[in-house]
Amino acid sequence: MAALSLEEISTQLESPNLRDRMVALANLRNVPPEDAVPLIKKVLDDESLQLRSMAIFALGIKPTAECYSILVRILENDPDYGMRADAAGALGYLGDARAFEVLSRAFYEDTDWLVRFSAAVSLGNIKDPRARQILLQALDSKEVVLQQAAISALGEIKDIESVDKILRFAQSDDWLVRQRLAESLGNLPTPKSVSALKYLEKDNHFNVAEAARIGLKKLEEMDNQA
């Protein structure tokens, strides 16, 4: 099927048929950000939450000068928690260090766990070491997914000092938590990380053992490059 022209995409984004609008938005995949973003903006207030979600995600992977401010506005003001969570996630894809403040505020102030989860993940994605205190606090959350996000993000920001704090999750009943721990330790070169990964390599869940094996290999390569 031939790719649609920008004019055709623009027209189709105004179609009363949701499927037409979704196909048109998907057709922006290979369009340069400068041409794509004005068209993405046409459906940011669409009646379909699914289409809005796709549009918000698209802003994160089609960065232009205005994407950051649009996503911040959605994160801070949208009444739908799903859209706020999508905006938090898209800010992580942008990798803009300015997002640290707004993501931190979302983590502390938003009442929905999904938004807080997305904010924690994105704090890892923007790799800002200032996120350390927030992420350490998230380790104590009652929500297991927030613990998972924090464990991963501490690895992303390469916070070596947090190794002792996250090792307690090696005994977690949740295999996904153990997997996130193994992945995180692979970014944190310390003797304790190596010991923990060797322990996790014997885990009875394949995904955890595999993540530990990959983590050990990463640490070995770091050691060889040092």
N, C-alpha and C. Protein backbone atom coordinates (compact mmCIF):
# COMPACT_ATOMS: atom_id res chain seq x y z
N MET A 1 0.84 -1.19 0.00
CA MET A 1 0.00 0.00 0.00
C MET A 1 0.88 1.25 0.00
N ALA A 2 0.60 2.16 -0.93
CA ALA A 2 1.41 3.37 -1.06
C ALA A 2 1.21 4.27 0.16
N ALA A 3 2.32 4.92 0.55
CA ALA A 3 2.23 5.82 1.70
C ALA A 3 1.37 7.03 1.33
N LEU A 4 0.65 7.52 2.29
CA LEU A 4 -0.19 8.69 2.06
C LEU A 4 0.66 9.96 2.03
N SER A 5 0.24 10.93 1.22
CA SER A 5 0.91 12.23 1.22
C SER A 5 0.51 12.98 2.48
N LEU A 6 1.26 14.04 2.82
CA LEU A 6 0.94 14.84 4.00
C LEU A 6 -0.46 15.43 3.89
N GLU A 7 -0.83 15.83 2.68
CA GLU A 7 -2.16 16.41 2.47
C GLU A 7 -3.25 15.36 2.72
N GLU A 8 -3.00 14.14 2.22
CA GLU A 8 -3.97 13.06 2.43
C GLU A 8 -4.09 12.69 3.91
N ILE A 9 -2.93 12.67 4.60
CA ILE A 9 -2.95 12.37 6.04
C ILE A 9 -3.75 13.44 6.78
N SER A 10 -3.49 14.69 6.43
CA SER A 10 -4.16 15.81 7.09
C SER A 10 -5.68 15.69 6.92
N THR A 11 -6.12 15.38 5.70
CA THR A 11 -7.56 15.23 5.42
C THR A 11 -8.14 14.04 6.19
N GLN A 12 -7.38 12.94 6.20
CA GLN A 12 -7.88 11.71 6.84
C GLN A 12 -7.96 11.86 8.37
N LEU A 13 -7.11 12.72 8.93
CA LEU A 13 -7.15 12.96 10.38
C LEU A 13 -8.44 13.66 10.80
N GLU A 14 -9.15 14.23 9.82
CA GLU A 14 -10.42 14.91 10.11
C GLU A 14 -11.63 14.03 9.77
N SER A 15 -11.34 12.79 9.37
CA SER A 15 -12.44 11.87 9.01
C SER A 15 -13.31 11.57 10.23
N PRO A 16 -14.62 11.42 10.04
CA PRO A 16 -15.49 11.04 11.17
C PRO A 16 -15.26 9.58 11.59
N ASN A 17 -14.57 8.82 10.75
CA ASN A 17 -14.31 7.42 11.03
C ASN A 17 -13.03 7.27 11.85
N LEU A 18 -13.15 6.69 13.05
CA LEU A 18 -11.98 6.55 13.93
C LEU A 18 -10.87 5.76 13.28
N ARG A 19 -11.23 4.69 12.58
CA ARG A 19 -10.19 3.86 11.95
C ARG A 19 -9.38 4.68 10.94
N ASP A 20 -10.04 5.54 10.17
CA ASP A 20 -9.33 6.41 9.22
C ASP A 20 -8.33 7.30 9.95
N ARG A 21 -8.77 7.87 11.05
CA ARG A 21 -7.89 8.78 11.80
C ARG A 21 -6.69 8.01 12.37
N MET A 22 -6.94 6.78 12.84
CA MET A 22 -5.85 5.99 13.40
C MET A 22 -4.83 5.59 12.33
N VAL A 23 -5.34 5.21 11.17
CA VAL A 23 -4.46 4.85 10.04
C VAL A 23 -3.63 6.06 9.63
N ALA A 24 -4.28 7.22 9.58
CA ALA A 24 -3.57 8.45 9.19
C ALA A 24 -2.45 8.76 10.19
N LEU A 25 -2.76 8.64 11.48
CA LEU A 25 -1.74 8.92 12.50
C LEU A 25 -0.58 7.94 12.38
N ALA A 26 -0.89 6.67 12.14
CA ALA A 26 0.16 5.66 11.97
C ALA A 26 1.03 5.96 10.76
N ASN A 27 0.44 6.60 9.74
CA ASN A 27 1.20 6.94 8.54
C ASN A 27 2.24 8.04 8.76
N LEU A 28 2.20 8.65 9.94
CA LEU A 28 3.20 9.69 10.24
C LEU A 28 4.51 9.09 10.74
N ARG A 29 4.53 7.76 10.85
CA ARG A 29 5.70 7.08 11.43
C ARG A 29 7.01 7.49 10.75
N ASN A 30 7.00 7.58 9.43
CA ASN A 30 8.23 7.88 8.70
C ASN A 30 8.32 9.33 8.23
N VAL A 31 7.44 10.15 8.76
CA VAL A 31 7.44 11.58 8.40
C VAL A 31 8.35 12.34 9.36
N PRO A 32 9.21 13.26 8.86
CA PRO A 32 10.09 14.03 9.75
C PRO A 32 9.30 14.79 10.82
N PRO A 33 9.87 14.95 12.04
CA PRO A 33 9.16 15.60 13.14
C PRO A 33 8.54 16.95 12.78
N GLU A 34 9.26 17.77 12.03
CA GLU A 34 8.76 19.13 11.71
C GLU A 34 7.45 19.07 10.93
N ASP A 35 7.31 18.05 10.07
CA ASP A 35 6.07 17.91 9.30
C ASP A 35 5.01 17.14 10.08
N ALA A 36 5.47 16.22 10.94
CA ALA A 36 4.53 15.35 11.65
C ALA A 36 3.80 16.05 12.79
N VAL A 37 4.53 16.85 13.56
CA VAL A 37 3.94 17.42 14.80
C VAL A 37 2.71 18.29 14.55
N PRO A 38 2.71 19.18 13.54
CA PRO A 38 1.49 19.96 13.30
C PRO A 38 0.27 19.07 13.02
N LEU A 39 0.51 17.91 12.41
CA LEU A 39 -0.59 16.99 12.12
C LEU A 39 -1.00 16.20 13.37
N ILE A 40 -0.01 15.81 14.17
CA ILE A 40 -0.30 15.11 15.44
C ILE A 40 -1.19 16.00 16.32
N LYS A 41 -0.90 17.30 16.32
CA LYS A 41 -1.64 18.23 17.18
C LYS A 41 -3.14 18.26 16.84
N LYS A 42 -3.47 17.91 15.59
CA LYS A 42 -4.88 17.94 15.18
C LYS A 42 -5.74 16.95 15.97
N VAL A 43 -5.11 15.87 16.49
CA VAL A 43 -5.92 14.84 17.19
C VAL A 43 -5.59 14.75 18.68
N LEU A 44 -4.88 15.73 19.20
CA LEU A 44 -4.55 15.69 20.63
C LEU A 44 -5.77 15.83 21.52
N ASP A 45 -6.84 16.41 20.99
CA ASP A 45 -8.08 16.55 21.77
C ASP A 45 -9.19 15.70 21.17
N ASP A 46 -8.81 14.64 20.49
CA ASP A 46 -9.80 13.77 19.84
C ASP A 46 -10.74 13.15 20.88
N GLU A 47 -11.94 12.79 20.43
CA GLU A 47 -12.91 12.16 21.36
C GLU A 47 -12.46 10.75 21.75
N SER A 48 -11.62 10.12 20.91
CA SER A 48 -11.14 8.77 21.21
C SER A 48 -9.90 8.82 22.09
N LEU A 49 -9.99 8.23 23.28
CA LEU A 49 -8.83 8.20 24.18
C LEU A 49 -7.69 7.39 23.58
N GLN A 50 -8.04 6.35 22.83
CA GLN A 50 -7.01 5.52 22.20
C GLN A 50 -6.20 6.33 21.19
N LEU A 51 -6.88 7.13 20.40
CA LEU A 51 -6.19 7.96 19.41
C LEU A 51 -5.36 9.04 20.10
N ARG A 52 -5.92 9.63 21.15
CA ARG A 52 -5.17 10.64 21.91
C ARG A 52 -3.89 10.03 22.49
N SER A 53 -4.02 8.83 23.02
CA SER A 53 -2.86 8.14 23.59
C SER A 53 -1.77 7.94 22.54
N MET A 54 -2.18 7.50 21.34
CA MET A 54 -1.22 7.32 20.24
C MET A 54 -0.55 8.65 19.87
N ALA A 55 -1.33 9.73 19.86
CA ALA A 55 -0.81 11.05 19.49
C ALA A 55 0.21 11.55 20.52
N ILE A 56 -0.12 11.35 21.80
CA ILE A 56 0.80 11.78 22.86
C ILE A 56 2.11 11.02 22.77
N PHE A 57 2.03 9.71 22.57
CA PHE A 57 3.23 8.89 22.41
C PHE A 57 4.05 9.40 21.22
N ALA A 58 3.35 9.73 20.12
CA ALA A 58 4.04 10.20 18.91
C ALA A 58 4.86 11.47 19.18
N LEU A 59 4.35 12.33 20.06
CA LEU A 59 5.11 13.56 20.38
C LEU A 59 6.45 13.23 21.04
N GLY A 60 6.49 12.12 21.76
CA GLY A 60 7.74 11.73 22.42
C GLY A 60 8.80 11.23 21.47
N ILE A 61 8.35 10.69 20.32
CA ILE A 61 9.33 10.13 19.38
C ILE A 61 9.50 10.99 18.13
N LYS A 62 8.79 12.12 18.09
CA LYS A 62 8.94 13.09 16.99
C LYS A 62 9.30 14.45 17.59
N PRO A 63 10.46 14.56 18.21
CA PRO A 63 10.76 15.79 18.98
C PRO A 63 10.96 17.03 18.12
N THR A 64 10.20 18.05 18.46
CA THR A 64 10.45 19.39 17.92
C THR A 64 10.48 20.33 19.13
N ALA A 65 10.75 21.60 18.88
CA ALA A 65 10.88 22.56 19.99
C ALA A 65 9.62 22.66 20.83
N GLU A 66 8.45 22.42 20.24
CA GLU A 66 7.21 22.62 21.00
C GLU A 66 6.71 21.37 21.71
N CYS A 67 7.26 20.19 21.39
CA CYS A 67 6.74 18.95 21.99
C CYS A 67 6.83 18.96 23.51
N TYR A 68 7.93 19.48 24.03
CA TYR A 68 8.12 19.48 25.48
C TYR A 68 7.00 20.24 26.19
N SER A 69 6.71 21.45 25.73
CA SER A 69 5.70 22.27 26.41
C SER A 69 4.30 21.67 26.26
N ILE A 70 4.01 21.03 25.12
CA ILE A 70 2.70 20.39 24.93
C ILE A 70 2.54 19.24 25.92
N LEU A 71 3.58 18.42 26.05
CA LEU A 71 3.51 17.26 26.95
C LEU A 71 3.41 17.70 28.41
N VAL A 72 4.12 18.74 28.78
CA VAL A 72 4.04 19.25 30.15
C VAL A 72 2.62 19.72 30.45
N ARG A 73 2.02 20.42 29.48
CA ARG A 73 0.64 20.91 29.68
C ARG A 73 -0.32 19.74 29.91
N ILE A 74 -0.16 18.67 29.11
CA ILE A 74 -1.04 17.50 29.26
C ILE A 74 -0.81 16.84 30.62
N LEU A 75 0.45 16.67 30.99
CA LEU A 75 0.77 16.02 32.26
C LEU A 75 0.22 16.80 33.44
N GLU A 76 0.27 18.11 33.36
CA GLU A 76 -0.14 18.93 34.50
C GLU A 76 -1.65 19.20 34.54
N ASN A 77 -2.32 19.12 33.39
CA ASN A 77 -3.71 19.60 33.35
C ASN A 77 -4.76 18.62 32.86
N ASP A 78 -4.37 17.54 32.21
CA ASP A 78 -5.40 16.68 31.62
C ASP A 78 -6.19 15.96 32.72
N PRO A 79 -7.52 15.96 32.62
CA PRO A 79 -8.32 15.30 33.66
C PRO A 79 -8.23 13.77 33.61
N ASP A 80 -7.80 13.21 32.49
CA ASP A 80 -7.74 11.76 32.36
C ASP A 80 -6.36 11.23 32.80
N TYR A 81 -6.35 10.36 33.80
CA TYR A 81 -5.06 9.89 34.34
C TYR A 81 -4.26 9.11 33.29
N GLY A 82 -4.96 8.43 32.37
CA GLY A 82 -4.26 7.69 31.32
C GLY A 82 -3.47 8.61 30.41
N MET A 83 -4.06 9.76 30.09
CA MET A 83 -3.38 10.73 29.23
C MET A 83 -2.19 11.37 29.98
N ARG A 84 -2.39 11.62 31.28
CA ARG A 84 -1.28 12.17 32.06
C ARG A 84 -0.12 11.17 32.12
N ALA A 85 -0.47 9.91 32.29
CA ALA A 85 0.57 8.86 32.34
C ALA A 85 1.29 8.77 30.99
N ASP A 86 0.53 8.86 29.90
CA ASP A 86 1.14 8.83 28.56
C ASP A 86 2.09 10.01 28.36
N ALA A 87 1.67 11.18 28.84
CA ALA A 87 2.51 12.38 28.70
C ALA A 87 3.80 12.23 29.50
N ALA A 88 3.68 11.68 30.71
CA ALA A 88 4.88 11.45 31.53
C ALA A 88 5.83 10.49 30.81
N GLY A 89 5.27 9.44 30.22
CA GLY A 89 6.09 8.48 29.49
C GLY A 89 6.76 9.11 28.27
N ALA A 90 6.00 9.93 27.54
CA ALA A 90 6.54 10.57 26.34
C ALA A 90 7.67 11.54 26.69
N LEU A 91 7.56 12.20 27.83
CA LEU A 91 8.64 13.10 28.27
C LEU A 91 9.95 12.32 28.48
N GLY A 92 9.82 11.08 28.93
CA GLY A 92 11.01 10.23 29.08
C GLY A 92 11.65 9.95 27.74
N TYR A 93 10.81 9.71 26.71
CA TYR A 93 11.35 9.46 25.37
C TYR A 93 12.08 10.69 24.83
N LEU A 94 11.56 11.88 25.15
CA LEU A 94 12.22 13.11 24.68
C LEU A 94 13.63 13.23 25.25
N GLY A 95 13.82 12.70 26.48
CA GLY A 95 15.15 12.76 27.10
C GLY A 95 15.60 14.18 27.42
N ASP A 96 14.67 15.08 27.64
CA ASP A 96 14.97 16.49 27.92
C ASP A 96 15.16 16.68 29.43
N ALA A 97 16.33 17.14 29.82
CA ALA A 97 16.65 17.29 31.25
C ALA A 97 15.70 18.26 31.95
N ARG A 98 15.06 19.17 31.20
CA ARG A 98 14.12 20.11 31.81
C ARG A 98 12.95 19.36 32.45
N ALA A 99 12.70 18.13 32.00
CA ALA A 99 11.55 17.37 32.49
C ALA A 99 11.72 16.90 33.93
N PHE A 100 12.93 17.02 34.47
CA PHE A 100 13.16 16.51 35.83
C PHE A 100 12.17 17.12 36.83
N GLU A 101 12.01 18.43 36.79
CA GLU A 101 11.13 19.11 37.77
C GLU A 101 9.68 18.67 37.62
N VAL A 102 9.19 18.66 36.39
CA VAL A 102 7.78 18.35 36.18
C VAL A 102 7.48 16.88 36.47
N LEU A 103 8.42 16.00 36.14
CA LEU A 103 8.24 14.57 36.46
C LEU A 103 8.30 14.33 37.96
N SER A 104 9.18 15.05 38.63
CA SER A 104 9.28 14.93 40.09
C SER A 104 7.98 15.37 40.75
N ARG A 105 7.44 16.48 40.25
CA ARG A 105 6.19 17.00 40.80
C ARG A 105 5.05 15.99 40.58
N ALA A 106 5.04 15.40 39.39
CA ALA A 106 4.00 14.40 39.08
C ALA A 106 4.13 13.21 40.01
N PHE A 107 5.35 12.80 40.29
CA PHE A 107 5.55 11.65 41.17
C PHE A 107 5.03 11.94 42.57
N TYR A 108 5.34 13.13 43.07
CA TYR A 108 4.93 13.46 44.44
C TYR A 108 3.46 13.84 44.58
N GLU A 109 2.91 14.47 43.53
CA GLU A 109 1.59 15.11 43.69
C GLU A 109 0.44 14.40 42.99
N ASP A 110 0.70 13.65 41.93
CA ASP A 110 -0.41 13.02 41.23
C ASP A 110 -1.01 11.93 42.11
N THR A 111 -2.32 11.82 42.06
CA THR A 111 -3.00 10.86 42.94
C THR A 111 -3.09 9.47 42.32
N ASP A 112 -2.76 9.34 41.03
CA ASP A 112 -2.91 8.04 40.38
C ASP A 112 -1.58 7.31 40.27
N TRP A 113 -1.58 6.03 40.65
CA TRP A 113 -0.32 5.27 40.66
C TRP A 113 0.26 5.12 39.25
N LEU A 114 -0.60 5.06 38.22
CA LEU A 114 -0.08 4.87 36.86
C LEU A 114 0.74 6.08 36.41
N VAL A 115 0.28 7.27 36.78
CA VAL A 115 1.02 8.50 36.45
C VAL A 115 2.35 8.50 37.20
N ARG A 116 2.31 8.12 38.47
CA ARG A 116 3.53 8.09 39.28
C ARG A 116 4.50 7.05 38.74
N PHE A 117 3.97 5.92 38.28
CA PHE A 117 4.79 4.87 37.68
C PHE A 117 5.49 5.41 36.42
N SER A 118 4.72 6.04 35.54
CA SER A 118 5.30 6.60 34.30
C SER A 118 6.35 7.66 34.60
N ALA A 119 6.08 8.47 35.63
CA ALA A 119 7.05 9.51 36.01
C ALA A 119 8.35 8.89 36.49
N ALA A 120 8.25 7.83 37.30
CA ALA A 120 9.46 7.17 37.81
C ALA A 120 10.26 6.54 36.68
N VAL A 121 9.57 5.87 35.75
CA VAL A 121 10.25 5.27 34.59
C VAL A 121 10.97 6.35 33.79
N SER A 122 10.28 7.46 33.56
CA SER A 122 10.86 8.53 32.74
C SER A 122 12.02 9.23 33.44
N LEU A 123 11.99 9.30 34.76
CA LEU A 123 13.13 9.87 35.48
C LEU A 123 14.38 9.02 35.21
N GLY A 124 14.16 7.71 35.05
CA GLY A 124 15.28 6.85 34.65
C GLY A 124 15.69 7.10 33.21
N ASN A 125 14.71 7.27 32.34
CA ASN A 125 15.00 7.47 30.92
C ASN A 125 15.78 8.76 30.64
N ILE A 126 15.51 9.81 31.44
CA ILE A 126 16.26 11.06 31.19
C ILE A 126 17.62 11.04 31.90
N LYS A 127 17.84 9.96 32.67
CA LYS A 127 19.16 9.70 33.28
C LYS A 127 19.68 10.88 34.11
N ASP A 128 18.80 11.47 34.90
CA ASP A 128 19.19 12.60 35.73
C ASP A 128 19.48 12.12 37.15
N PRO A 129 20.73 12.22 37.61
CA PRO A 129 21.08 11.72 38.93
C PRO A 129 20.32 12.39 40.08
N ARG A 130 19.73 13.56 39.82
CA ARG A 130 18.96 14.24 40.87
C ARG A 130 17.72 13.44 41.27
N ALA A 131 17.36 12.46 40.45
CA ALA A 131 16.15 11.66 40.72
C ALA A 131 16.36 10.67 41.87
N ARG A 132 17.57 10.55 42.37
CA ARG A 132 17.91 9.51 43.34
C ARG A 132 16.94 9.45 44.53
N GLN A 133 16.71 10.58 45.20
CA GLN A 133 15.88 10.58 46.41
C GLN A 133 14.46 10.14 46.12
N ILE A 134 13.92 10.60 44.99
CA ILE A 134 12.56 10.23 44.61
C ILE A 134 12.48 8.72 44.41
N LEU A 135 13.46 8.18 43.71
CA LEU A 135 13.45 6.75 43.38
C LEU A 135 13.65 5.89 44.62
N LEU A 136 14.49 6.36 45.53
CA LEU A 136 14.68 5.61 46.79
C LEU A 136 13.37 5.58 47.58
N GLN A 137 12.64 6.69 47.52
CA GLN A 137 11.34 6.75 48.21
C GLN A 137 10.36 5.78 47.54
N ALA A 138 10.43 5.69 46.22
CA ALA A 138 9.52 4.80 45.48
C ALA A 138 9.76 3.33 45.82
N LEU A 139 10.97 3.00 46.26
CA LEU A 139 11.27 1.61 46.64
C LEU A 139 10.37 1.16 47.80
N ASP A 140 9.93 2.12 48.61
CA ASP A 140 9.11 1.79 49.77
C ASP A 140 7.61 1.87 49.49
N SER A 141 7.27 2.06 48.21
CA SER A 141 5.86 2.18 47.84
C SER A 141 5.12 0.86 48.08
N LYS A 142 3.82 0.98 48.34
CA LYS A 142 2.98 -0.22 48.48
C LYS A 142 2.67 -0.83 47.11
N GLU A 143 2.84 -0.02 46.06
CA GLU A 143 2.56 -0.50 44.70
C GLU A 143 3.80 -1.20 44.15
N VAL A 144 3.67 -2.49 43.84
CA VAL A 144 4.83 -3.26 43.35
C VAL A 144 5.37 -2.68 42.04
N VAL A 145 4.48 -2.18 41.18
CA VAL A 145 4.96 -1.63 39.91
C VAL A 145 5.82 -0.39 40.13
N LEU A 146 5.53 0.36 41.16
CA LEU A 146 6.38 1.52 41.47
C LEU A 146 7.75 1.07 41.96
N GLN A 147 7.78 0.00 42.73
CA GLN A 147 9.07 -0.57 43.15
C GLN A 147 9.87 -1.01 41.92
N GLN A 148 9.19 -1.68 40.99
CA GLN A 148 9.86 -2.14 39.77
C GLN A 148 10.45 -0.96 39.00
N ALA A 149 9.63 0.10 38.84
CA ALA A 149 10.08 1.27 38.09
C ALA A 149 11.29 1.91 38.76
N ALA A 150 11.26 2.00 40.09
CA ALA A 150 12.36 2.63 40.83
C ALA A 150 13.64 1.82 40.72
N ILE A 151 13.52 0.49 40.83
CA ILE A 151 14.70 -0.38 40.72
C ILE A 151 15.34 -0.18 39.35
N SER A 152 14.52 -0.21 38.30
CA SER A 152 15.05 -0.02 36.94
C SER A 152 15.70 1.35 36.78
N ALA A 153 15.00 2.38 37.25
CA ALA A 153 15.48 3.75 37.05
C ALA A 153 16.79 4.01 37.80
N LEU A 154 16.94 3.43 38.98
CA LEU A 154 18.21 3.62 39.72
C LEU A 154 19.38 3.03 38.94
N GLY A 155 19.11 1.96 38.21
CA GLY A 155 20.14 1.42 37.33
C GLY A 155 20.41 2.34 36.16
N GLU A 156 19.33 2.91 35.60
CA GLU A 156 19.47 3.82 34.45
C GLU A 156 20.31 5.05 34.80
N ILE A 157 20.10 5.58 36.03
CA ILE A 157 20.88 6.77 36.39
C ILE A 157 22.24 6.39 36.98
N LYS A 158 22.49 5.06 36.99
CA LYS A 158 23.79 4.53 37.43
C LYS A 158 24.14 4.97 38.86
N ASP A 159 23.16 4.83 39.74
CA ASP A 159 23.35 5.25 41.13
C ASP A 159 23.98 4.10 41.94
N ILE A 160 25.30 4.05 41.88
CA ILE A 160 26.05 2.96 42.54
C ILE A 160 25.69 2.85 44.02
N GLU A 161 25.48 4.01 44.66
CA GLU A 161 25.23 4.00 46.11
C GLU A 161 23.90 3.35 46.48
N SER A 162 23.06 3.13 45.50
CA SER A 162 21.74 2.54 45.82
C SER A 162 21.78 1.00 45.83
N VAL A 163 22.92 0.40 45.50
CA VAL A 163 22.99 -1.06 45.40
C VAL A 163 22.49 -1.73 46.69
N ASP A 164 22.98 -1.25 47.83
CA ASP A 164 22.55 -1.84 49.11
C ASP A 164 21.03 -1.74 49.30
N LYS A 165 20.45 -0.65 48.80
CA LYS A 165 19.02 -0.42 48.99
C LYS A 165 18.16 -1.36 48.14
N ILE A 166 18.67 -1.71 46.95
CA ILE A 166 17.83 -2.53 46.07
C ILE A 166 18.09 -4.03 46.23
N LEU A 167 19.18 -4.39 46.90
CA LEU A 167 19.48 -5.82 47.04
C LEU A 167 18.43 -6.57 47.84
N ARG A 168 17.68 -5.85 48.67
CA ARG A 168 16.65 -6.53 49.46
C ARG A 168 15.57 -7.17 48.59
N PHE A 169 15.49 -6.74 47.33
CA PHE A 169 14.47 -7.27 46.43
C PHE A 169 14.89 -8.58 45.77
N ALA A 170 16.10 -9.04 46.07
CA ALA A 170 16.55 -10.33 45.50
C ALA A 170 15.67 -11.48 45.99
N GLN A 171 15.01 -11.28 47.13
CA GLN A 171 14.15 -12.32 47.71
C GLN A 171 12.68 -12.08 47.41
N SER A 172 12.38 -11.13 46.53
CA SER A 172 10.99 -10.79 46.25
C SER A 172 10.21 -12.00 45.71
N ASP A 173 8.94 -12.10 46.10
CA ASP A 173 8.08 -13.17 45.57
C ASP A 173 7.70 -12.92 44.11
N ASP A 174 7.83 -11.67 43.68
CA ASP A 174 7.44 -11.28 42.33
C ASP A 174 8.62 -11.43 41.38
N TRP A 175 8.53 -12.33 40.41
CA TRP A 175 9.68 -12.58 39.53
C TRP A 175 10.03 -11.36 38.68
N LEU A 176 9.02 -10.52 38.39
CA LEU A 176 9.31 -9.31 37.60
C LEU A 176 10.18 -8.33 38.39
N VAL A 177 9.95 -8.27 39.68
CA VAL A 177 10.80 -7.44 40.55
C VAL A 177 12.24 -7.97 40.51
N ARG A 178 12.38 -9.29 40.60
CA ARG A 178 13.73 -9.89 40.57
C ARG A 178 14.38 -9.66 39.21
N GLN A 179 13.58 -9.71 38.15
CA GLN A 179 14.14 -9.45 36.82
C GLN A 179 14.61 -8.01 36.70
N ARG A 180 13.79 -7.08 37.18
CA ARG A 180 14.19 -5.65 37.13
C ARG A 180 15.47 -5.43 37.94
N LEU A 181 15.58 -6.14 39.06
CA LEU A 181 16.77 -6.02 39.88
C LEU A 181 17.99 -6.50 39.11
N ALA A 182 17.88 -7.65 38.46
CA ALA A 182 19.00 -8.19 37.68
C ALA A 182 19.41 -7.22 36.57
N GLU A 183 18.42 -6.65 35.89
CA GLU A 183 18.71 -5.69 34.80
C GLU A 183 19.40 -4.45 35.36
N SER A 184 18.92 -3.98 36.50
CA SER A 184 19.49 -2.78 37.10
C SER A 184 20.93 -3.00 37.57
N LEU A 185 21.16 -4.15 38.21
CA LEU A 185 22.51 -4.44 38.72
C LEU A 185 23.53 -4.51 37.58
N GLY A 186 23.08 -4.86 36.39
CA GLY A 186 23.97 -4.89 35.24
C GLY A 186 24.50 -3.53 34.85
N ASN A 187 23.90 -2.46 35.40
CA ASN A 187 24.38 -1.09 35.16
C ASN A 187 25.17 -0.54 36.34
N LEU A 188 25.31 -1.36 37.40
CA LEU A 188 25.90 -0.86 38.65
C LEU A 188 27.11 -1.71 39.05
N PRO A 189 28.27 -1.38 38.51
CA PRO A 189 29.46 -2.21 38.74
C PRO A 189 30.03 -2.12 40.16
N THR A 190 29.63 -3.06 41.00
CA THR A 190 30.22 -3.18 42.34
C THR A 190 30.37 -4.68 42.63
N PRO A 191 31.25 -5.05 43.56
CA PRO A 191 31.39 -6.47 43.92
C PRO A 191 30.06 -7.06 44.40
N LYS A 192 29.26 -6.27 45.13
CA LYS A 192 27.97 -6.77 45.62
C LYS A 192 27.02 -7.06 44.45
N SER A 193 27.10 -6.24 43.41
CA SER A 193 26.26 -6.48 42.23
C SER A 193 26.59 -7.81 41.60
N VAL A 194 27.90 -8.08 41.48
CA VAL A 194 28.35 -9.34 40.88
C VAL A 194 27.85 -10.53 41.71
N SER A 195 28.00 -10.44 43.02
CA SER A 195 27.54 -11.53 43.91
C SER A 195 26.03 -11.76 43.77
N ALA A 196 25.29 -10.66 43.77
CA ALA A 196 23.84 -10.78 43.66
C ALA A 196 23.42 -11.36 42.32
N LEU A 197 24.10 -10.96 41.25
CA LEU A 197 23.77 -11.48 39.92
C LEU A 197 24.09 -12.97 39.82
N LYS A 198 25.15 -13.40 40.46
CA LYS A 198 25.48 -14.83 40.45
C LYS A 198 24.39 -15.62 41.19
N TYR A 199 23.86 -15.01 42.23
CA TYR A 199 22.75 -15.63 42.97
C TYR A 199 21.49 -15.69 42.09
N LEU A 200 21.20 -14.57 41.42
CA LEU A 200 20.00 -14.49 40.59
C LEU A 200 20.11 -15.34 39.33
N GLU A 201 21.34 -15.64 38.94
CA GLU A 201 21.56 -16.49 37.76
C GLU A 201 21.00 -17.91 38.00
N LYS A 202 20.87 -18.26 39.26
CA LYS A 202 20.34 -19.59 39.62
C LYS A 202 18.83 -19.54 39.89
N ASP A 203 18.21 -18.39 39.61
CA ASP A 203 16.78 -18.23 39.88
C ASP A 203 15.97 -19.26 39.11
N ASN A 204 14.86 -19.69 39.72
CA ASN A 204 14.06 -20.72 39.05
C ASN A 204 13.16 -20.16 37.95
N HIS A 205 13.14 -18.84 37.78
CA HIS A 205 12.39 -18.26 36.67
C HIS A 205 13.37 -17.91 35.55
N PHE A 206 13.08 -18.42 34.34
CA PHE A 206 14.01 -18.26 33.22
C PHE A 206 14.35 -16.79 32.97
N ASN A 207 13.34 -15.90 32.97
CA ASN A 207 13.59 -14.49 32.64
C ASN A 207 14.56 -13.84 33.63
N VAL A 208 14.44 -14.21 34.89
CA VAL A 208 15.32 -13.64 35.93
C VAL A 208 16.75 -14.15 35.72
N ALA A 209 16.88 -15.47 35.53
CA ALA A 209 18.20 -16.07 35.34
C ALA A 209 18.88 -15.50 34.09
N GLU A 210 18.09 -15.30 33.01
CA GLU A 210 18.64 -14.76 31.76
C GLU A 210 19.07 -13.31 31.95
N ALA A 211 18.25 -12.52 32.64
CA ALA A 211 18.60 -11.12 32.90
C ALA A 211 19.88 -11.04 33.74
N ALA A 212 20.03 -11.95 34.69
CA ALA A 212 21.23 -11.98 35.53
C ALA A 212 22.46 -12.34 34.69
N ARG A 213 22.28 -13.30 33.79
CA ARG A 213 23.41 -13.70 32.93
C ARG A 213 23.87 -12.53 32.05
N ILE A 214 22.89 -11.83 31.48
CA ILE A 214 23.21 -10.66 30.63
C ILE A 214 23.87 -9.57 31.47
N GLY A 215 23.36 -9.37 32.70
CA GLY A 215 23.93 -8.36 33.61
C GLY A 215 25.38 -8.66 33.95
N LEU A 216 25.66 -9.92 34.22
CA LEU A 216 27.05 -10.30 34.53
C LEU A 216 27.97 -10.04 33.34
N LYS A 217 27.45 -10.34 32.15
CA LYS A 217 28.26 -10.11 30.93
C LYS A 217 28.55 -8.62 30.76
N LYS A 218 27.53 -7.78 31.02
CA LYS A 218 27.73 -6.33 30.91
C LYS A 218 28.79 -5.84 31.88
N LEU A 219 28.72 -6.33 33.13
CA LEU A 219 29.70 -5.90 34.14
C LEU A 219 31.10 -6.37 33.79
N GLU A 220 31.17 -7.56 33.19
CA GLU A 220 32.48 -8.09 32.78
C GLU A 220 33.07 -7.22 31.67
N GLU A 221 32.21 -6.81 30.74
CA GLU A 221 32.70 -5.95 29.64
C GLU A 221 33.14 -4.59 30.17
N MET A 222 32.38 -4.05 31.14
CA MET A 222 32.78 -2.77 31.76
C MET A 222 34.14 -2.90 32.42
N ASP A 223 34.33 -4.03 33.10
CA ASP A 223 35.58 -4.29 33.82
C ASP A 223 36.75 -4.36 32.84
N ASN A 224 36.51 -5.00 31.71
CA ASN A 224 37.57 -5.15 30.69
C ASN A 224 37.94 -3.82 30.05
N GLN A 225 36.94 -2.90 29.99
CA GLN A 225 37.20 -1.60 29.37
C GLN A 225 37.86 -0.63 30.34
N ALA A 226 37.76 -0.94 31.64
CA ALA A 226 38.28 -0.02 32.66
C ALA A 226 39.81 0.03 32.62
